[in-house]
Amino acid sequence: MQHKSDVTELIGVLPEVQGLKITPDARDGVATHFAAIRAAAEEAAELPLDDTTEPAWRFEA
C-alpha cells in the first residue's frame, strides 16, 4: 500500500528535521525510493512471528 501524501510530507520535513538537502529536481526520485522502502517495511511487518522468536544478532544472506 502506497501512501503518497505521507511520503510527500516526509520529504517536506526532512530538511528541517535531519538537515538533509533535497533539491527540487531530486524530490520525485526520493519519493519513489521512500515509497519502496515503506512498501518493503509494511510487507516485513506482516510476517508472522512466534512469541518465542528472538532477533538474530547478525544478518547473513
N, C-alpha and C. Protein backbone atom coordinates (compact mmCIF):
# COMPACT_ATOMS: atom_id res chain seq x y z
N MET A 1 0.84 -1.17 0.00
CA MET A 1 0.00 0.00 0.00
C MET A 1 0.90 1.24 0.00
N GLN A 2 0.66 2.12 -0.90
CA GLN A 2 1.48 3.33 -1.02
C GLN A 2 0.73 4.52 -0.46
N HIS A 3 1.41 5.31 0.32
CA HIS A 3 0.82 6.48 0.94
C HIS A 3 1.56 7.71 0.43
N LYS A 4 1.20 8.15 -0.77
CA LYS A 4 1.93 9.23 -1.43
C LYS A 4 1.94 10.51 -0.60
N SER A 5 0.82 10.85 0.01
CA SER A 5 0.78 12.10 0.78
C SER A 5 1.73 12.03 1.98
N ASP A 6 1.84 10.85 2.62
CA ASP A 6 2.77 10.69 3.73
C ASP A 6 4.21 10.85 3.27
N VAL A 7 4.53 10.27 2.13
CA VAL A 7 5.89 10.36 1.59
C VAL A 7 6.20 11.80 1.22
N THR A 8 5.25 12.48 0.60
CA THR A 8 5.45 13.89 0.23
C THR A 8 5.67 14.74 1.47
N GLU A 9 4.90 14.47 2.51
CA GLU A 9 5.05 15.21 3.77
C GLU A 9 6.42 14.94 4.39
N LEU A 10 6.85 13.69 4.36
CA LEU A 10 8.15 13.32 4.91
C LEU A 10 9.27 14.07 4.19
N ILE A 11 9.21 14.11 2.88
CA ILE A 11 10.23 14.82 2.11
C ILE A 11 10.20 16.31 2.43
N GLY A 12 9.03 16.81 2.74
CA GLY A 12 8.91 18.22 3.10
C GLY A 12 9.56 18.57 4.43
N VAL A 13 9.55 17.64 5.40
CA VAL A 13 10.11 17.95 6.72
C VAL A 13 11.54 17.45 6.92
N LEU A 14 12.03 16.59 6.04
CA LEU A 14 13.40 16.07 6.20
C LEU A 14 14.46 17.15 6.30
N PRO A 15 14.41 18.17 5.47
CA PRO A 15 15.44 19.20 5.59
C PRO A 15 15.48 19.84 6.98
N GLU A 16 14.32 20.07 7.58
CA GLU A 16 14.27 20.67 8.91
C GLU A 16 14.75 19.70 9.98
N VAL A 17 14.26 18.48 9.93
CA VAL A 17 14.49 17.51 10.99
C VAL A 17 15.90 16.91 10.92
N GLN A 18 16.33 16.52 9.74
CA GLN A 18 17.60 15.82 9.60
C GLN A 18 18.71 16.66 8.98
N GLY A 19 18.38 17.85 8.54
CA GLY A 19 19.39 18.68 7.92
C GLY A 19 19.78 18.20 6.53
N LEU A 20 18.89 17.44 5.89
CA LEU A 20 19.16 16.94 4.55
C LEU A 20 18.72 17.96 3.51
N LYS A 21 19.51 18.09 2.48
CA LYS A 21 19.14 18.99 1.40
C LYS A 21 18.62 18.15 0.24
N ILE A 22 17.35 18.33 -0.09
CA ILE A 22 16.74 17.61 -1.21
C ILE A 22 16.37 18.66 -2.24
N THR A 23 17.08 18.64 -3.35
CA THR A 23 16.83 19.63 -4.39
C THR A 23 15.49 19.33 -5.07
N PRO A 24 14.85 20.36 -5.60
CA PRO A 24 13.56 20.15 -6.26
C PRO A 24 13.59 19.09 -7.36
N ASP A 25 14.67 19.02 -8.11
CA ASP A 25 14.73 18.03 -9.19
C ASP A 25 14.95 16.61 -8.67
N ALA A 26 15.33 16.44 -7.42
CA ALA A 26 15.54 15.12 -6.84
C ALA A 26 14.33 14.62 -6.06
N ARG A 27 13.35 15.47 -5.81
CA ARG A 27 12.21 15.10 -4.97
C ARG A 27 11.44 13.88 -5.47
N ASP A 28 11.20 13.80 -6.77
CA ASP A 28 10.44 12.66 -7.30
C ASP A 28 11.20 11.35 -7.09
N GLY A 29 12.50 11.37 -7.30
CA GLY A 29 13.31 10.17 -7.08
C GLY A 29 13.34 9.76 -5.63
N VAL A 30 13.49 10.74 -4.75
CA VAL A 30 13.49 10.46 -3.31
C VAL A 30 12.14 9.89 -2.90
N ALA A 31 11.07 10.45 -3.41
CA ALA A 31 9.72 9.97 -3.09
C ALA A 31 9.54 8.53 -3.55
N THR A 32 10.03 8.21 -4.73
CA THR A 32 9.92 6.85 -5.26
C THR A 32 10.64 5.86 -4.34
N HIS A 33 11.83 6.23 -3.90
CA HIS A 33 12.61 5.33 -3.03
C HIS A 33 11.96 5.19 -1.65
N PHE A 34 11.48 6.29 -1.08
CA PHE A 34 10.80 6.19 0.21
C PHE A 34 9.53 5.35 0.12
N ALA A 35 8.81 5.45 -0.98
CA ALA A 35 7.60 4.64 -1.16
C ALA A 35 7.98 3.16 -1.23
N ALA A 36 9.07 2.84 -1.91
CA ALA A 36 9.52 1.45 -1.99
C ALA A 36 9.97 0.93 -0.63
N ILE A 37 10.68 1.77 0.12
CA ILE A 37 11.11 1.37 1.47
C ILE A 37 9.91 1.13 2.37
N ARG A 38 8.92 2.00 2.27
CA ARG A 38 7.72 1.84 3.09
C ARG A 38 6.98 0.55 2.73
N ALA A 39 6.86 0.26 1.43
CA ALA A 39 6.18 -0.96 1.00
C ALA A 39 6.91 -2.20 1.51
N ALA A 40 8.24 -2.19 1.46
CA ALA A 40 9.01 -3.32 1.96
C ALA A 40 8.85 -3.47 3.47
N ALA A 41 8.83 -2.36 4.19
CA ALA A 41 8.67 -2.40 5.64
C ALA A 41 7.28 -2.93 6.03
N GLU A 42 6.26 -2.50 5.29
CA GLU A 42 4.91 -2.99 5.57
C GLU A 42 4.81 -4.49 5.32
N GLU A 43 5.45 -4.95 4.25
CA GLU A 43 5.44 -6.38 3.95
C GLU A 43 6.16 -7.17 5.04
N ALA A 44 7.31 -6.66 5.49
CA ALA A 44 8.06 -7.34 6.55
C ALA A 44 7.28 -7.34 7.86
N ALA A 45 6.55 -6.27 8.12
CA ALA A 45 5.78 -6.17 9.37
C ALA A 45 4.64 -7.18 9.41
N GLU A 46 4.21 -7.66 8.27
CA GLU A 46 3.12 -8.62 8.21
C GLU A 46 3.58 -10.06 8.39
N LEU A 47 4.89 -10.30 8.42
CA LEU A 47 5.39 -11.66 8.60
C LEU A 47 5.00 -12.18 9.97
N PRO A 48 4.49 -13.40 10.02
CA PRO A 48 4.10 -13.95 11.31
C PRO A 48 5.33 -14.33 12.14
N LEU A 49 5.36 -13.89 13.38
CA LEU A 49 6.45 -14.24 14.28
C LEU A 49 5.88 -14.89 15.53
N ASP A 50 6.47 -15.98 15.90
CA ASP A 50 6.10 -16.69 17.11
C ASP A 50 6.56 -15.88 18.31
N ASP A 51 5.87 -15.98 19.43
CA ASP A 51 6.25 -15.24 20.63
C ASP A 51 7.63 -15.62 21.14
N THR A 52 8.12 -16.79 20.76
CA THR A 52 9.44 -17.22 21.23
C THR A 52 10.55 -16.84 20.25
N THR A 53 10.20 -16.21 19.14
CA THR A 53 11.20 -15.82 18.15
C THR A 53 12.06 -14.70 18.71
N GLU A 54 13.38 -14.88 18.58
CA GLU A 54 14.30 -13.85 19.04
C GLU A 54 15.01 -13.23 17.84
N PRO A 55 15.36 -11.96 17.92
CA PRO A 55 16.05 -11.33 16.80
C PRO A 55 17.45 -11.93 16.61
N ALA A 56 17.85 -12.03 15.38
CA ALA A 56 19.19 -12.53 15.09
C ALA A 56 20.21 -11.46 15.44
N TRP A 57 21.34 -11.86 15.95
CA TRP A 57 22.37 -10.90 16.30
C TRP A 57 23.18 -10.47 15.09
N ARG A 58 23.03 -11.24 13.99
CA ARG A 58 23.75 -10.92 12.76
C ARG A 58 22.94 -11.42 11.57
N PHE A 59 22.87 -10.62 10.53
CA PHE A 59 22.14 -11.00 9.34
C PHE A 59 23.11 -11.56 8.32
N GLU A 60 22.75 -12.71 7.72
CA GLU A 60 23.55 -13.29 6.65
C GLU A 60 22.62 -13.63 5.51
N ALA A 61 23.02 -13.24 4.32
CA ALA A 61 22.21 -13.53 3.14
C ALA A 61 22.69 -14.80 2.46
